[in-house]
Amino acid sequence: MGIYRGNEGRPGAIIREVSPDSPAAEAGFLAKDKIIEFDGRPVLDAASLVRLVSQTEVDSEVDVKVVRGEEELLLHPQIAQRTVPSLSQEQER
């Protein structure tokens, strides 16, 4: 899942992209969703979201509040281990 760094000075982190078949996609996240709360804690920006996720145990399920259009939704993703592509995978792109 990719997130925007800037957010026009408003709290939250906007999702840039969601990889198909990823844990984020399975939880129902869509591109342009704005994450405003992670496990009961406010998300101020992309950096705060990364920090909150990194402090959460792998395989735990959390509540994430998002704004989609004019609607607030509560999603329940399971935190997965982050995988970093190897150099050979990057070269194949």
PDB file of N, CA and C in Angstrom:
ATOM      1  N   MET A   1       0.862  -1.167   0.000  1.00  0.00           N
ATOM      2  CA  MET A   1       0.000   0.000   0.000  1.00  0.00           C
ATOM      3  C   MET A   1       0.906   1.226   0.000  1.00  0.00           C
ATOM      4  N   GLY A   2       0.670   2.126  -0.908  1.00  0.00           N
ATOM      5  CA  GLY A   2       1.420   3.373  -0.959  1.00  0.00           C
ATOM      6  C   GLY A   2       0.598   4.507  -0.378  1.00  0.00           C
ATOM      7  N   ILE A   3       1.251   5.440   0.283  1.00  0.00           N
ATOM      8  CA  ILE A   3       0.550   6.588   0.853  1.00  0.00           C
ATOM      9  C   ILE A   3       1.232   7.870   0.415  1.00  0.00           C
ATOM     10  N   TYR A   4       0.446   8.933   0.297  1.00  0.00           N
ATOM     11  CA  TYR A   4       0.983  10.240  -0.049  1.00  0.00           C
ATOM     12  C   TYR A   4       1.697  10.838   1.141  1.00  0.00           C
ATOM     13  N   ARG A   5       2.762  11.553   0.888  1.00  0.00           N
ATOM     14  CA  ARG A   5       3.470  12.245   1.963  1.00  0.00           C
ATOM     15  C   ARG A   5       2.747  13.525   2.351  1.00  0.00           C
ATOM     16  N   GLY A   6       2.322  14.320   1.387  1.00  0.00           N
ATOM     17  CA  GLY A   6       1.628  15.575   1.684  1.00  0.00           C
ATOM     18  C   GLY A   6       0.137  15.360   1.801  1.00  0.00           C
ATOM     19  N   ASN A   7      -0.523  16.211   2.557  1.00  0.00           N
ATOM     20  CA  ASN A   7      -1.960  16.063   2.747  1.00  0.00           C
ATOM     21  C   ASN A   7      -2.621  17.424   2.912  1.00  0.00           C
ATOM     22  N   GLU A   8      -2.095  18.435   2.236  1.00  0.00           N
ATOM     23  CA  GLU A   8      -2.689  19.766   2.237  1.00  0.00           C
ATOM     24  C   GLU A   8      -2.907  20.323   3.644  1.00  0.00           C
ATOM     25  N   GLY A   9      -2.057  19.962   4.599  1.00  0.00           N
ATOM     26  CA  GLY A   9      -2.150  20.493   5.950  1.00  0.00           C
ATOM     27  C   GLY A   9      -3.263  19.916   6.795  1.00  0.00           C
ATOM     28  N   ARG A  10      -3.970  18.937   6.300  1.00  0.00           N
ATOM     29  CA  ARG A  10      -5.069  18.323   7.062  1.00  0.00           C
ATOM     30  C   ARG A  10      -4.619  16.993   7.649  1.00  0.00           C
ATOM     31  N   PRO A  11      -5.085  16.655   8.855  1.00  0.00           N
ATOM     32  CA  PRO A  11      -4.696  15.376   9.461  1.00  0.00           C
ATOM     33  C   PRO A  11      -5.156  14.190   8.614  1.00  0.00           C
ATOM     34  N   GLY A  12      -4.352  13.131   8.628  1.00  0.00           N
ATOM     35  CA  GLY A  12      -4.679  11.908   7.916  1.00  0.00           C
ATOM     36  C   GLY A  12      -3.604  11.547   6.915  1.00  0.00           C
ATOM     37  N   ALA A  13      -3.693  10.340   6.390  1.00  0.00           N
ATOM     38  CA  ALA A  13      -2.769   9.844   5.374  1.00  0.00           C
ATOM     39  C   ALA A  13      -3.607   9.302   4.227  1.00  0.00           C
ATOM     40  N   ILE A  14      -3.342   9.787   3.025  1.00  0.00           N
ATOM     41  CA  ILE A  14      -4.120   9.380   1.858  1.00  0.00           C
ATOM     42  C   ILE A  14      -3.417   8.225   1.154  1.00  0.00           C
ATOM     43  N   ILE A  15      -4.169   7.177   0.870  1.00  0.00           N
ATOM     44  CA  ILE A  15      -3.617   6.004   0.194  1.00  0.00           C
ATOM     45  C   ILE A  15      -3.443   6.316  -1.287  1.00  0.00           C
ATOM     46  N   ARG A  16      -2.237   6.107  -1.775  1.00  0.00           N
ATOM     47  CA  ARG A  16      -1.925   6.343  -3.183  1.00  0.00           C
ATOM     48  C   ARG A  16      -2.294   5.145  -4.043  1.00  0.00           C
ATOM     49  N   GLU A  17      -1.954   3.949  -3.567  1.00  0.00           N
ATOM     50  CA  GLU A  17      -2.245   2.732  -4.321  1.00  0.00           C
ATOM     51  C   GLU A  17      -2.389   1.555  -3.377  1.00  0.00           C
ATOM     52  N   VAL A  18      -3.139   0.550  -3.832  1.00  0.00           N
ATOM     53  CA  VAL A  18      -3.313  -0.687  -3.084  1.00  0.00           C
ATOM     54  C   VAL A  18      -3.004  -1.829  -4.040  1.00  0.00           C
ATOM     55  N   SER A  19      -2.034  -2.649  -3.696  1.00  0.00           N
ATOM     56  CA  SER A  19      -1.660  -3.771  -4.553  1.00  0.00           C
ATOM     57  C   SER A  19      -2.744  -4.840  -4.524  1.00  0.00           C
ATOM     58  N   PRO A  20      -3.097  -5.377  -5.692  1.00  0.00           N
ATOM     59  CA  PRO A  20      -4.091  -6.453  -5.731  1.00  0.00           C
ATOM     60  C   PRO A  20      -3.622  -7.635  -4.890  1.00  0.00           C
ATOM     61  N   ASP A  21      -4.545  -8.316  -4.273  1.00  0.00           N
ATOM     62  CA  ASP A  21      -4.277  -9.507  -3.456  1.00  0.00           C
ATOM     63  C   ASP A  21      -3.401  -9.227  -2.236  1.00  0.00           C
ATOM     64  N   SER A  22      -3.230  -7.967  -1.862  1.00  0.00           N
ATOM     65  CA  SER A  22      -2.448  -7.624  -0.672  1.00  0.00           C
ATOM     66  C   SER A  22      -3.351  -7.657   0.560  1.00  0.00           C
ATOM     67  N   PRO A  23      -2.767  -7.693   1.757  1.00  0.00           N
ATOM     68  CA  PRO A  23      -3.582  -7.615   2.972  1.00  0.00           C
ATOM     69  C   PRO A  23      -4.448  -6.347   2.998  1.00  0.00           C
ATOM     70  N   ALA A  24      -3.918  -5.236   2.475  1.00  0.00           N
ATOM     71  CA  ALA A  24      -4.694  -3.986   2.438  1.00  0.00           C
ATOM     72  C   ALA A  24      -5.913  -4.130   1.532  1.00  0.00           C
ATOM     73  N   ALA A  25      -5.726  -4.763   0.379  1.00  0.00           N
ATOM     74  CA  ALA A  25      -6.848  -4.982  -0.544  1.00  0.00           C
ATOM     75  C   ALA A  25      -7.877  -5.913   0.082  1.00  0.00           C
ATOM     76  N   GLU A  26      -7.402  -6.964   0.730  1.00  0.00           N
ATOM     77  CA  GLU A  26      -8.315  -7.912   1.382  1.00  0.00           C
ATOM     78  C   GLU A  26      -9.126  -7.242   2.487  1.00  0.00           C
ATOM     79  N   ALA A  27      -8.545  -6.236   3.148  1.00  0.00           N
ATOM     80  CA  ALA A  27      -9.253  -5.524   4.223  1.00  0.00           C
ATOM     81  C   ALA A  27     -10.240  -4.495   3.684  1.00  0.00           C
ATOM     82  N   GLY A  28     -10.146  -4.185   2.372  1.00  0.00           N
ATOM     83  CA  GLY A  28     -11.103  -3.263   1.780  1.00  0.00           C
ATOM     84  C   GLY A  28     -10.591  -1.860   1.522  1.00  0.00           C
ATOM     85  N   PHE A  29      -9.287  -1.610   1.693  1.00  0.00           N
ATOM     86  CA  PHE A  29      -8.732  -0.289   1.405  1.00  0.00           C
ATOM     87  C   PHE A  29      -8.755  -0.034  -0.095  1.00  0.00           C
ATOM     88  N   LEU A  30      -8.983   1.218  -0.463  1.00  0.00           N
ATOM     89  CA  LEU A  30      -8.962   1.645  -1.861  1.00  0.00           C
ATOM     90  C   LEU A  30      -8.056   2.864  -2.005  1.00  0.00           C
ATOM     91  N   ALA A  31      -7.517   3.043  -3.202  1.00  0.00           N
ATOM     92  CA  ALA A  31      -6.747   4.253  -3.487  1.00  0.00           C
ATOM     93  C   ALA A  31      -7.628   5.459  -3.217  1.00  0.00           C
ATOM     94  N   LYS A  32      -7.049   6.496  -2.672  1.00  0.00           N
ATOM     95  CA  LYS A  32      -7.678   7.761  -2.303  1.00  0.00           C
ATOM     96  C   LYS A  32      -8.428   7.716  -0.975  1.00  0.00           C
ATOM     97  N   ASP A  33      -8.498   6.537  -0.302  1.00  0.00           N
ATOM     98  CA  ASP A  33      -9.025   6.509   1.061  1.00  0.00           C
ATOM     99  C   ASP A  33      -8.091   7.354   1.924  1.00  0.00           C
ATOM    100  N   LYS A  34      -8.663   8.053   2.886  1.00  0.00           N
ATOM    101  CA  LYS A  34      -7.870   8.857   3.822  1.00  0.00           C
ATOM    102  C   LYS A  34      -7.942   8.195   5.192  1.00  0.00           C
ATOM    103  N   ILE A  35      -6.814   7.720   5.686  1.00  0.00           N
ATOM    104  CA  ILE A  35      -6.760   7.070   6.995  1.00  0.00           C
ATOM    105  C   ILE A  35      -6.666   8.162   8.053  1.00  0.00           C
ATOM    106  N   ILE A  36      -7.643   8.190   8.950  1.00  0.00           N
ATOM    107  CA  ILE A  36      -7.666   9.234   9.972  1.00  0.00           C
ATOM    108  C   ILE A  36      -7.468   8.681  11.387  1.00  0.00           C
ATOM    109  N   GLU A  37      -7.603   7.349  11.526  1.00  0.00           N
ATOM    110  CA  GLU A  37      -7.436   6.750  12.859  1.00  0.00           C
ATOM    111  C   GLU A  37      -6.935   5.330  12.706  1.00  0.00           C
ATOM    112  N   PHE A  38      -5.962   4.946  13.530  1.00  0.00           N
ATOM    113  CA  PHE A  38      -5.382   3.605  13.503  1.00  0.00           C
ATOM    114  C   PHE A  38      -5.431   3.038  14.904  1.00  0.00           C
ATOM    115  N   ASP A  39      -6.244   2.016  15.097  1.00  0.00           N
ATOM    116  CA  ASP A  39      -6.362   1.336  16.394  1.00  0.00           C
ATOM    117  C   ASP A  39      -6.670   2.317  17.526  1.00  0.00           C
ATOM    118  N   GLY A  40      -7.588   3.258  17.238  1.00  0.00           N
ATOM    119  CA  GLY A  40      -8.037   4.206  18.243  1.00  0.00           C
ATOM    120  C   GLY A  40      -7.159   5.433  18.398  1.00  0.00           C
ATOM    121  N   ARG A  41      -6.067   5.514  17.633  1.00  0.00           N
ATOM    122  CA  ARG A  41      -5.152   6.649  17.732  1.00  0.00           C
ATOM    123  C   ARG A  41      -5.223   7.490  16.459  1.00  0.00           C
ATOM    124  N   PRO A  42      -5.210   8.808  16.585  1.00  0.00           N
ATOM    125  CA  PRO A  42      -5.316   9.666  15.399  1.00  0.00           C
ATOM    126  C   PRO A  42      -4.094   9.533  14.493  1.00  0.00           C
ATOM    127  N   VAL A  43      -4.339   9.577  13.190  1.00  0.00           N
ATOM    128  CA  VAL A  43      -3.267   9.580  12.197  1.00  0.00           C
ATOM    129  C   VAL A  43      -3.111  11.025  11.729  1.00  0.00           C
ATOM    130  N   LEU A  44      -1.965  11.621  12.008  1.00  0.00           N
ATOM    131  CA  LEU A  44      -1.729  13.019  11.659  1.00  0.00           C
ATOM    132  C   LEU A  44      -1.242  13.173  10.221  1.00  0.00           C
ATOM    133  N   ASP A  45      -0.418  12.212   9.772  1.00  0.00           N
ATOM    134  CA  ASP A  45       0.169  12.272   8.439  1.00  0.00           C
ATOM    135  C   ASP A  45       0.742  10.895   8.111  1.00  0.00           C
ATOM    136  N   ALA A  46       1.392  10.782   6.938  1.00  0.00           N
ATOM    137  CA  ALA A  46       1.941   9.495   6.515  1.00  0.00           C
ATOM    138  C   ALA A  46       2.986   8.974   7.505  1.00  0.00           C
ATOM    139  N   ALA A  47       3.835   9.871   8.012  1.00  0.00           N
ATOM    140  CA  ALA A  47       4.880   9.452   8.951  1.00  0.00           C
ATOM    141  C   ALA A  47       4.281   8.878  10.235  1.00  0.00           C
ATOM    142  N   SER A  48       3.229   9.492  10.739  1.00  0.00           N
ATOM    143  CA  SER A  48       2.616   8.966  11.971  1.00  0.00           C
ATOM    144  C   SER A  48       1.951   7.613  11.708  1.00  0.00           C
ATOM    145  N   LEU A  49       1.387   7.422  10.511  1.00  0.00           N
ATOM    146  CA  LEU A  49       0.791   6.121  10.179  1.00  0.00           C
ATOM    147  C   LEU A  49       1.862   5.044  10.129  1.00  0.00           C
ATOM    148  N   VAL A  50       2.976   5.332   9.485  1.00  0.00           N
ATOM    149  CA  VAL A  50       4.072   4.356   9.408  1.00  0.00           C
ATOM    150  C   VAL A  50       4.552   4.000  10.811  1.00  0.00           C
ATOM    151  N   ARG A  51       4.676   4.996  11.669  1.00  0.00           N
ATOM    152  CA  ARG A  51       5.119   4.759  13.051  1.00  0.00           C
ATOM    153  C   ARG A  51       4.122   3.867  13.796  1.00  0.00           C
ATOM    154  N   LEU A  52       2.831   4.160  13.666  1.00  0.00           N
ATOM    155  CA  LEU A  52       1.810   3.372  14.362  1.00  0.00           C
ATOM    156  C   LEU A  52       1.798   1.922  13.874  1.00  0.00           C
ATOM    157  N   VAL A  53       1.894   1.741  12.569  1.00  0.00           N
ATOM    158  CA  VAL A  53       1.893   0.380  12.020  1.00  0.00           C
ATOM    159  C   VAL A  53       3.131  -0.376  12.491  1.00  0.00           C
ATOM    160  N   SER A  54       4.285   0.290  12.486  1.00  0.00           N
ATOM    161  CA  SER A  54       5.526  -0.388  12.877  1.00  0.00           C
ATOM    162  C   SER A  54       5.530  -0.786  14.352  1.00  0.00           C
ATOM    163  N   GLN A  55       4.710  -0.135  15.164  1.00  0.00           N
ATOM    164  CA  GLN A  55       4.629  -0.452  16.591  1.00  0.00           C
ATOM    165  C   GLN A  55       3.575  -1.529  16.884  1.00  0.00           C
ATOM    166  N   THR A  56       2.952  -2.046  15.835  1.00  0.00           N
ATOM    167  CA  THR A  56       1.872  -3.023  15.998  1.00  0.00           C
ATOM    168  C   THR A  56       2.377  -4.423  15.667  1.00  0.00           C
ATOM    169  N   GLU A  57       1.988  -5.389  16.482  1.00  0.00           N
ATOM    170  CA  GLU A  57       2.428  -6.755  16.304  1.00  0.00           C
ATOM    171  C   GLU A  57       1.895  -7.353  15.003  1.00  0.00           C
ATOM    172  N   VAL A  58       2.765  -8.072  14.289  1.00  0.00           N
ATOM    173  CA  VAL A  58       2.371  -8.775  13.075  1.00  0.00           C
ATOM    174  C   VAL A  58       1.283  -9.792  13.422  1.00  0.00           C
ATOM    175  N   ASP A  59       0.314  -9.949  12.530  1.00  0.00           N
ATOM    176  CA  ASP A  59      -0.827 -10.866  12.645  1.00  0.00           C
ATOM    177  C   ASP A  59      -1.937 -10.360  13.572  1.00  0.00           C
ATOM    178  N   SER A  60      -1.750  -9.179  14.187  1.00  0.00           N
ATOM    179  CA  SER A  60      -2.845  -8.653  15.000  1.00  0.00           C
ATOM    180  C   SER A  60      -3.846  -7.936  14.093  1.00  0.00           C
ATOM    181  N   GLU A  61      -5.098  -7.920  14.508  1.00  0.00           N
ATOM    182  CA  GLU A  61      -6.142  -7.219  13.763  1.00  0.00           C
ATOM    183  C   GLU A  61      -6.416  -5.892  14.460  1.00  0.00           C
ATOM    184  N   VAL A  62      -6.500  -4.817  13.669  1.00  0.00           N
ATOM    185  CA  VAL A  62      -6.718  -3.488  14.228  1.00  0.00           C
ATOM    186  C   VAL A  62      -7.931  -2.847  13.569  1.00  0.00           C
ATOM    187  N   ASP A  63      -8.455  -1.824  14.205  1.00  0.00           N
ATOM    188  CA  ASP A  63      -9.531  -1.018  13.629  1.00  0.00           C
ATOM    189  C   ASP A  63      -8.895   0.204  12.982  1.00  0.00           C
ATOM    190  N   VAL A  64      -9.247   0.465  11.741  1.00  0.00           N
ATOM    191  CA  VAL A  64      -8.720   1.618  11.017  1.00  0.00           C
ATOM    192  C   VAL A  64      -9.899   2.405  10.456  1.00  0.00           C
ATOM    193  N   LYS A  65      -9.974   3.677  10.845  1.00  0.00           N
ATOM    194  CA  LYS A  65     -11.049   4.541  10.354  1.00  0.00           C
ATOM    195  C   LYS A  65     -10.548   5.288   9.130  1.00  0.00           C
ATOM    196  N   VAL A  66     -11.323   5.205   8.040  1.00  0.00           N
ATOM    197  CA  VAL A  66     -10.962   5.896   6.805  1.00  0.00           C
ATOM    198  C   VAL A  66     -12.117   6.776   6.352  1.00  0.00           C
ATOM    199  N   VAL A  67     -11.765   7.794   5.583  1.00  0.00           N
ATOM    200  CA  VAL A  67     -12.765   8.620   4.921  1.00  0.00           C
ATOM    201  C   VAL A  67     -12.696   8.278   3.442  1.00  0.00           C
ATOM    202  N   ARG A  68     -13.823   7.891   2.889  1.00  0.00           N
ATOM    203  CA  ARG A  68     -13.939   7.573   1.465  1.00  0.00           C
ATOM    204  C   ARG A  68     -15.048   8.449   0.903  1.00  0.00           C
ATOM    205  N   GLY A  69     -14.653   9.441   0.120  1.00  0.00           N
ATOM    206  CA  GLY A  69     -15.646  10.409  -0.346  1.00  0.00           C
ATOM    207  C   GLY A  69     -16.147  11.204   0.843  1.00  0.00           C
ATOM    208  N   GLU A  70     -17.430  11.156   1.079  1.00  0.00           N
ATOM    209  CA  GLU A  70     -18.036  11.856   2.220  1.00  0.00           C
ATOM    210  C   GLU A  70     -18.321  10.924   3.395  1.00  0.00           C
ATOM    211  N   GLU A  71     -17.970   9.647   3.251  1.00  0.00           N
ATOM    212  CA  GLU A  71     -18.347   8.632   4.232  1.00  0.00           C
ATOM    213  C   GLU A  71     -17.159   8.182   5.079  1.00  0.00           C
ATOM    214  N   GLU A  72     -17.387   7.984   6.382  1.00  0.00           N
ATOM    215  CA  GLU A  72     -16.382   7.384   7.254  1.00  0.00           C
ATOM    216  C   GLU A  72     -16.664   5.897   7.356  1.00  0.00           C
ATOM    217  N   LEU A  73     -15.614   5.093   7.199  1.00  0.00           N
ATOM    218  CA  LEU A  73     -15.733   3.642   7.275  1.00  0.00           C
ATOM    219  C   LEU A  73     -14.764   3.101   8.308  1.00  0.00           C
ATOM    220  N   LEU A  74     -15.105   1.974   8.897  1.00  0.00           N
ATOM    221  CA  LEU A  74     -14.208   1.303   9.831  1.00  0.00           C
ATOM    222  C   LEU A  74     -13.792  -0.022   9.191  1.00  0.00           C
ATOM    223  N   LEU A  75     -12.493  -0.167   8.920  1.00  0.00           N
ATOM    224  CA  LEU A  75     -11.954  -1.384   8.331  1.00  0.00           C
ATOM    225  C   LEU A  75     -11.166  -2.137   9.391  1.00  0.00           C
ATOM    226  N   HIS A  76     -10.972  -3.436   9.166  1.00  0.00           N
ATOM    227  CA  HIS A  76     -10.343  -4.288  10.175  1.00  0.00           C
ATOM    228  C   HIS A  76      -9.210  -5.113   9.556  1.00  0.00           C
ATOM    229  N   PRO A  77      -8.112  -4.451   9.176  1.00  0.00           N
ATOM    230  CA  PRO A  77      -7.016  -5.208   8.564  1.00  0.00           C
ATOM    231  C   PRO A  77      -6.231  -6.022   9.586  1.00  0.00           C
ATOM    232  N   GLN A  78      -5.620  -7.094   9.068  1.00  0.00           N
ATOM    233  CA  GLN A  78      -4.678  -7.863   9.863  1.00  0.00           C
ATOM    234  C   GLN A  78      -3.284  -7.386   9.456  1.00  0.00           C
ATOM    235  N   ILE A  79      -2.470  -7.053  10.434  1.00  0.00           N
ATOM    236  CA  ILE A  79      -1.136  -6.536  10.165  1.00  0.00           C
ATOM    237  C   ILE A  79      -0.248  -7.670   9.649  1.00  0.00           C
ATOM    238  N   ALA A  80       0.353  -7.435   8.481  1.00  0.00           N
ATOM    239  CA  ALA A  80       1.217  -8.440   7.854  1.00  0.00           C
ATOM    240  C   ALA A  80       2.668  -7.995   7.947  1.00  0.00           C
ATOM    241  N   GLN A  81       3.558  -8.960   7.835  1.00  0.00           N
ATOM    242  CA  GLN A  81       4.985  -8.655   7.784  1.00  0.00           C
ATOM    243  C   GLN A  81       5.262  -7.914   6.485  1.00  0.00           C
ATOM    244  N   ARG A  82       5.958  -6.807   6.566  1.00  0.00           N
ATOM    245  CA  ARG A  82       6.282  -6.035   5.361  1.00  0.00           C
ATOM    246  C   ARG A  82       7.388  -6.750   4.601  1.00  0.00           C
ATOM    247  N   THR A  83       7.185  -6.904   3.311  1.00  0.00           N
ATOM    248  CA  THR A  83       8.216  -7.517   2.482  1.00  0.00           C
ATOM    249  C   THR A  83       8.856  -6.439   1.624  1.00  0.00           C
ATOM    250  N   VAL A  84      10.156  -6.527   1.512  1.00  0.00           N
ATOM    251  CA  VAL A  84      10.906  -5.587   0.695  1.00  0.00           C
ATOM    252  C   VAL A  84      11.406  -6.359  -0.518  1.00  0.00           C
ATOM    253  N   PRO A  85      11.111  -5.877  -1.742  1.00  0.00           N
ATOM    254  CA  PRO A  85      11.552  -6.605  -2.932  1.00  0.00           C
ATOM    255  C   PRO A  85      13.075  -6.709  -2.987  1.00  0.00           C
ATOM    256  N   SER A  86      13.541  -7.856  -3.479  1.00  0.00           N
ATOM    257  CA  SER A  86      14.980  -8.011  -3.633  1.00  0.00           C
ATOM    258  C   SER A  86      15.453  -7.218  -4.839  1.00  0.00           C
ATOM    259  N   LEU A  87      16.745  -7.037  -4.951  1.00  0.00           N
ATOM    260  CA  LEU A  87      17.324  -6.294  -6.059  1.00  0.00           C
ATOM    261  C   LEU A  87      16.940  -6.944  -7.388  1.00  0.00           C
ATOM    262  N   SER A  88      16.961  -8.278  -7.468  1.00  0.00           N
ATOM    263  CA  SER A  88      16.610  -8.949  -8.715  1.00  0.00           C
ATOM    264  C   SER A  88      15.151  -8.722  -9.091  1.00  0.00           C
ATOM    265  N   GLN A  89      14.252  -8.662  -8.107  1.00  0.00           N
ATOM    266  CA  GLN A  89      12.845  -8.381  -8.391  1.00  0.00           C
ATOM    267  C   GLN A  89      12.684  -6.968  -8.908  1.00  0.00           C
ATOM    268  N   GLU A  90      13.436  -6.013  -8.357  1.00  0.00           N
ATOM    269  CA  GLU A  90      13.374  -4.625  -8.800  1.00  0.00           C
ATOM    270  C   GLU A  90      13.877  -4.499 -10.232  1.00  0.00           C
ATOM    271  N   GLN A  91      14.910  -5.268 -10.587  1.00  0.00           N
ATOM    272  CA  GLN A  91      15.479  -5.191 -11.930  1.00  0.00           C
ATOM    273  C   GLN A  91      14.544  -5.770 -12.974  1.00  0.00           C
ATOM    274  N   GLU A  92      13.665  -6.692 -12.575  1.00  0.00           N
ATOM    275  CA  GLU A  92      12.712  -7.294 -13.507  1.00  0.00           C
ATOM    276  C   GLU A  92      11.630  -6.315 -13.930  1.00  0.00           C
ATOM    277  N   ARG A  93      11.437  -5.265 -13.170  1.00  0.00           N
ATOM    278  CA  ARG A  93      10.367  -4.298 -13.476  1.00  0.00           C
ATOM    279  C   ARG A  93      10.694  -3.465 -14.657  1.00  0.00           C
TER     280      ARG A  93
END
